[in-house]
C-alpha atoms as a PDB file:
ATOM      1  CA  UNK A   1     -59.651-107.198 -41.969  1.00  0.00           C
ATOM      2  CA  UNK A   2     -62.346-105.179 -40.365  1.00  0.00           C
ATOM      3  CA  UNK A   3     -63.017-101.523 -41.099  1.00  0.00           C
ATOM      4  CA  UNK A   4     -62.139-100.545 -37.544  1.00  0.00           C
ATOM      5  CA  UNK A   5     -58.600-101.897 -37.777  1.00  0.00           C
ATOM      6  CA  UNK A   6     -57.907 -99.906 -40.956  1.00  0.00           C
ATOM      7  CA  UNK A   7     -58.740 -96.508 -39.363  1.00  0.00           C
ATOM      8  CA  UNK A   8     -55.959 -95.001 -37.361  1.00  0.00           C
ATOM      9  CA  UNK A   9     -56.103 -92.044 -34.967  1.00  0.00           C
ATOM     10  CA  UNK A  10     -57.785 -90.986 -31.770  1.00  0.00           C
ATOM     11  CA  UNK A  11     -61.446 -90.817 -30.972  1.00  0.00           C
ATOM     12  CA  UNK A  12     -63.080 -87.556 -29.949  1.00  0.00           C
ATOM     13  CA  UNK A  13     -63.436 -88.811 -26.354  1.00  0.00           C
ATOM     14  CA  UNK A  14     -59.720 -89.606 -26.139  1.00  0.00           C
ATOM     15  CA  UNK A  15     -58.761 -86.158 -27.427  1.00  0.00           C
ATOM     16  CA  UNK A  16     -61.108 -84.380 -25.040  1.00  0.00           C
ATOM     17  CA  UNK A  17     -59.789 -86.422 -22.128  1.00  0.00           C
ATOM     18  CA  UNK A  18     -56.159 -85.527 -22.924  1.00  0.00           C
ATOM     19  CA  UNK A  19     -57.018 -81.825 -23.390  1.00  0.00           C
ATOM     20  CA  UNK A  20     -58.901 -81.839 -20.081  1.00  0.00           C
ATOM     21  CA  UNK A  21     -55.961 -83.390 -18.220  1.00  0.00           C
ATOM     22  CA  UNK A  22     -53.523 -80.870 -19.727  1.00  0.00           C
ATOM     23  CA  UNK A  23     -55.841 -77.979 -18.759  1.00  0.00           C
ATOM     24  CA  UNK A  24     -56.075 -79.217 -15.166  1.00  0.00           C
ATOM     25  CA  UNK A  25     -52.286 -79.603 -14.898  1.00  0.00           C
ATOM     26  CA  UNK A  26     -51.732 -76.130 -16.399  1.00  0.00           C
ATOM     27  CA  UNK A  27     -54.157 -74.581 -13.900  1.00  0.00           C
ATOM     28  CA  UNK A  28     -52.359 -76.272 -11.000  1.00  0.00           C
ATOM     29  CA  UNK A  29     -48.974 -75.008 -12.211  1.00  0.00           C
ATOM     30  CA  UNK A  30     -50.236 -71.443 -12.685  1.00  0.00           C
ATOM     31  CA  UNK A  31     -51.750 -71.403  -9.188  1.00  0.00           C
ATOM     32  CA  UNK A  32     -48.560 -72.844  -7.701  1.00  0.00           C
ATOM     33  CA  UNK A  33     -46.317 -70.333  -9.454  1.00  0.00           C
ATOM     34  CA  UNK A  34     -48.676 -67.322  -9.004  1.00  0.00           C
ATOM     35  CA  UNK A  35     -46.850 -64.817 -11.227  1.00  0.00           C
ATOM     36  CA  UNK A  36     -48.657 -61.813  -9.743  1.00  0.00           C
ATOM     37  CA  UNK A  37     -47.373 -62.605  -6.263  1.00  0.00           C
ATOM     38  CA  UNK A  38     -43.885 -63.334  -7.581  1.00  0.00           C
ATOM     39  CA  UNK A  39     -43.714 -59.980  -9.386  1.00  0.00           C
ATOM     40  CA  UNK A  40     -45.034 -58.155  -6.314  1.00  0.00           C
ATOM     41  CA  UNK A  41     -42.416 -59.854  -4.134  1.00  0.00           C
ATOM     42  CA  UNK A  42     -39.689 -58.823  -6.583  1.00  0.00           C
ATOM     43  CA  UNK A  43     -40.835 -55.180  -6.524  1.00  0.00           C
ATOM     44  CA  UNK A  44     -40.992 -55.236  -2.708  1.00  0.00           C
ATOM     45  CA  UNK A  45     -37.438 -56.607  -2.603  1.00  0.00           C
ATOM     46  CA  UNK A  46     -36.350 -53.665  -4.787  1.00  0.00           C
ATOM     47  CA  UNK A  47     -38.150 -51.266  -2.439  1.00  0.00           C
ATOM     48  CA  UNK A  48     -36.335 -52.742   0.586  1.00  0.00           C
ATOM     49  CA  UNK A  49     -33.012 -52.332  -1.201  1.00  0.00           C
ATOM     50  CA  UNK A  50     -33.869 -48.725  -2.164  1.00  0.00           C
ATOM     51  CA  UNK A  51     -34.860 -47.822   1.413  1.00  0.00           C
ATOM     52  CA  UNK A  52     -31.559 -49.191   2.714  1.00  0.00           C
ATOM     53  CA  UNK A  53     -29.637 -47.391  -0.039  1.00  0.00           C
ATOM     54  CA  UNK A  54     -31.180 -44.042   0.915  1.00  0.00           C
ATOM     55  CA  UNK A  55     -30.464 -44.605   4.623  1.00  0.00           C
ATOM     56  CA  UNK A  56     -26.875 -45.635   3.919  1.00  0.00           C
ATOM     57  CA  UNK A  57     -26.341 -42.479   1.852  1.00  0.00           C
ATOM     58  CA  UNK A  58     -27.807 -40.304   4.638  1.00  0.00           C
ATOM     59  CA  UNK A  59     -25.473 -41.825   7.199  1.00  0.00           C
ATOM     60  CA  UNK A  60     -22.441 -41.638   4.919  1.00  0.00           C
ATOM     61  CA  UNK A  61     -23.252 -37.937   4.508  1.00  0.00           C
ATOM     62  CA  UNK A  62     -23.540 -37.657   8.290  1.00  0.00           C
ATOM     63  CA  UNK A  63     -20.155 -39.276   8.832  1.00  0.00           C
ATOM     64  CA  UNK A  64     -18.501 -36.923   6.349  1.00  0.00           C
ATOM     65  CA  UNK A  65     -20.180 -33.864   7.955  1.00  0.00           C
ATOM     66  CA  UNK A  66     -19.298 -34.389  11.640  1.00  0.00           C
ATOM     67  CA  UNK A  67     -22.585 -36.113  12.510  1.00  0.00           C
ATOM     68  CA  UNK A  68     -24.873 -33.570  10.862  1.00  0.00           C
ATOM     69  CA  UNK A  69     -27.771 -35.011   8.903  1.00  0.00           C
ATOM     70  CA  UNK A  70     -28.903 -33.317   5.683  1.00  0.00           C
ATOM     71  CA  UNK A  71     -30.838 -30.209   6.700  1.00  0.00           C
ATOM     72  CA  UNK A  72     -33.763 -31.021   4.407  1.00  0.00           C
ATOM     73  CA  UNK A  73     -34.912 -34.053   6.443  1.00  0.00           C
ATOM     74  CA  UNK A  74     -38.149 -33.118   8.279  1.00  0.00           C
ATOM     75  CA  UNK A  75     -39.544 -34.493  11.546  1.00  0.00           C
ATOM     76  CA  UNK A  76     -42.693 -35.682   9.761  1.00  0.00           C
ATOM     77  CA  UNK A  77     -42.738 -38.302   7.025  1.00  0.00           C
ATOM     78  CA  UNK A  78     -42.478 -36.341   3.778  1.00  0.00           C
ATOM     79  CA  UNK A  79     -41.994 -37.733   0.301  1.00  0.00           C
ATOM     80  CA  UNK A  80     -38.534 -37.540  -1.241  1.00  0.00           C
ATOM     81  CA  UNK A  81     -38.171 -35.540  -4.432  1.00  0.00           C
ATOM     82  CA  UNK A  82     -36.576 -37.126  -7.499  1.00  0.00           C
ATOM     83  CA  UNK A  83     -33.110 -35.918  -8.307  1.00  0.00           C
ATOM     84  CA  UNK A  84     -32.689 -33.885 -11.452  1.00  0.00           C
ATOM     85  CA  UNK A  85     -32.136 -30.424 -12.818  1.00  0.00           C
ATOM     86  CA  UNK A  86     -35.692 -29.588 -13.901  1.00  0.00           C
ATOM     87  CA  UNK A  87     -37.530 -30.992 -10.889  1.00  0.00           C
ATOM     88  CA  UNK A  88     -39.618 -28.681  -8.659  1.00  0.00           C
ATOM     89  CA  UNK A  89     -39.253 -29.902  -5.051  1.00  0.00           C
ATOM     90  CA  UNK A  90     -41.258 -27.222  -3.246  1.00  0.00           C
ATOM     91  CA  UNK A  91     -43.466 -29.528  -1.141  1.00  0.00           C
ATOM     92  CA  UNK A  92     -41.121 -32.516  -1.052  1.00  0.00           C
ATOM     93  CA  UNK A  93     -37.815 -33.310   0.654  1.00  0.00           C
ATOM     94  CA  UNK A  94     -34.893 -32.388  -1.575  1.00  0.00           C
ATOM     95  CA  UNK A  95     -32.005 -34.782  -0.930  1.00  0.00           C
ATOM     96  CA  UNK A  96     -29.934 -33.753  -3.936  1.00  0.00           C
ATOM     97  CA  UNK A  97     -26.971 -33.190  -1.561  1.00  0.00           C
ATOM     98  CA  UNK A  98     -26.661 -36.991  -1.548  1.00  0.00           C
ATOM     99  CA  UNK A  99     -26.413 -37.372  -5.316  1.00  0.00           C
ATOM    100  CA  UNK A 100     -22.932 -37.362  -6.737  1.00  0.00           C
ATOM    101  CA  UNK A 101     -20.840 -38.307  -3.705  1.00  0.00           C
ATOM    102  CA  UNK A 102     -23.155 -40.827  -2.021  1.00  0.00           C
ATOM    103  CA  UNK A 103     -25.665 -41.855  -4.704  1.00  0.00           C
ATOM    104  CA  UNK A 104     -25.600 -41.759  -8.480  1.00  0.00           C
ATOM    105  CA  UNK A 105     -29.290 -40.805  -8.341  1.00  0.00           C
ATOM    106  CA  UNK A 106     -32.039 -41.123  -5.785  1.00  0.00           C
ATOM    107  CA  UNK A 107     -33.812 -44.446  -6.269  1.00  0.00           C
ATOM    108  CA  UNK A 108     -37.399 -44.430  -7.507  1.00  0.00           C
ATOM    109  CA  UNK A 109     -40.145 -46.873  -6.607  1.00  0.00           C
ATOM    110  CA  UNK A 110     -40.350 -49.679  -9.214  1.00  0.00           C
ATOM    111  CA  UNK A 111     -43.887 -48.575 -10.098  1.00  0.00           C
ATOM    112  CA  UNK A 112     -43.411 -44.831  -9.584  1.00  0.00           C
ATOM    113  CA  UNK A 113     -45.092 -42.386 -11.925  1.00  0.00           C
ATOM    114  CA  UNK A 114     -42.418 -41.533 -14.489  1.00  0.00           C
ATOM    115  CA  UNK A 115     -43.796 -38.015 -15.017  1.00  0.00           C
ATOM    116  CA  UNK A 116     -44.143 -37.288 -11.276  1.00  0.00           C
ATOM    117  CA  UNK A 117     -41.603 -35.585  -9.054  1.00  0.00           C
ATOM    118  CA  UNK A 118     -41.842 -37.953  -6.082  1.00  0.00           C
ATOM    119  CA  UNK A 119     -39.746 -41.091  -5.622  1.00  0.00           C
ATOM    120  CA  UNK A 120     -42.659 -42.626  -3.626  1.00  0.00           C
ATOM    121  CA  UNK A 121     -40.364 -42.985  -0.613  1.00  0.00           C
ATOM    122  CA  UNK A 122     -40.742 -40.931   2.565  1.00  0.00           C
ATOM    123  CA  UNK A 123     -38.105 -39.782   5.018  1.00  0.00           C
ATOM    124  CA  UNK A 124     -38.312 -38.327   8.516  1.00  0.00           C
ATOM    125  CA  UNK A 125     -36.153 -37.935  11.598  1.00  0.00           C
ATOM    126  CA  UNK A 126     -37.052 -38.174  15.240  1.00  0.00           C
ATOM    127  CA  UNK A 127     -36.670 -34.739  16.861  1.00  0.00           C
ATOM    128  CA  UNK A 128     -35.162 -36.094  20.084  1.00  0.00           C
ATOM    129  CA  UNK A 129     -32.999 -39.019  18.975  1.00  0.00           C
ATOM    130  CA  UNK A 130     -32.225 -37.907  15.388  1.00  0.00           C
ATOM    131  CA  UNK A 131     -33.022 -41.412  14.174  1.00  0.00           C
ATOM    132  CA  UNK A 132     -33.927 -41.404  10.496  1.00  0.00           C
ATOM    133  CA  UNK A 133     -36.809 -43.423   9.058  1.00  0.00           C
ATOM    134  CA  UNK A 134     -37.235 -44.156   5.363  1.00  0.00           C
ATOM    135  CA  UNK A 135     -40.388 -45.899   4.151  1.00  0.00           C
ATOM    136  CA  UNK A 136     -41.855 -47.086   0.852  1.00  0.00           C
ATOM    137  CA  UNK A 137     -45.348 -45.752   0.154  1.00  0.00           C
ATOM    138  CA  UNK A 138     -46.351 -48.182  -2.580  1.00  0.00           C
ATOM    139  CA  UNK A 139     -45.473 -51.522  -0.936  1.00  0.00           C
ATOM    140  CA  UNK A 140     -47.563 -54.364  -2.323  1.00  0.00           C
ATOM    141  CA  UNK A 141     -49.375 -57.339  -0.791  1.00  0.00           C
ATOM    142  CA  UNK A 142     -50.042 -55.520   2.503  1.00  0.00           C
ATOM    143  CA  UNK A 143     -46.309 -55.311   3.215  1.00  0.00           C
ATOM    144  CA  UNK A 144     -44.880 -52.485   5.319  1.00  0.00           C
ATOM    145  CA  UNK A 145     -41.441 -51.440   4.188  1.00  0.00           C
ATOM    146  CA  UNK A 146     -39.864 -49.056   6.664  1.00  0.00           C
ATOM    147  CA  UNK A 147     -36.355 -48.911   8.127  1.00  0.00           C
ATOM    148  CA  UNK A 148     -35.218 -46.768  11.044  1.00  0.00           C
ATOM    149  CA  UNK A 149     -31.602 -46.199  12.055  1.00  0.00           C
END
């Protein structure tokens, strides 16, 4: 028997080749999956749902109040204030009339500042048609999230 046949295992070249192939396949999978884009898409989907939730609550309020929209809605796009007892809403739109009957709480942007008072959503109404627009300020990946009804 020769010495070569008694040694078992892989050569350094074989190991490096296998590691290189695994690294290339892992890179391809990571690029294909793109977790950053997937997470951004998920947050944008939540923003779209939140915008529709706010609009639905506004219109449910309107139906219950003979077509009158909440008085706090301005004609210019102003940020919506978070709901809560200890929140100062002086420069923001206070839609706390919606919480309780129409919403459990006003939705917050998925990446909103926890300590801040803004939900990072804006609301406005057209002065002539009374159509309400709700938009997300922090939409990702150059998306525009805005719904008008």
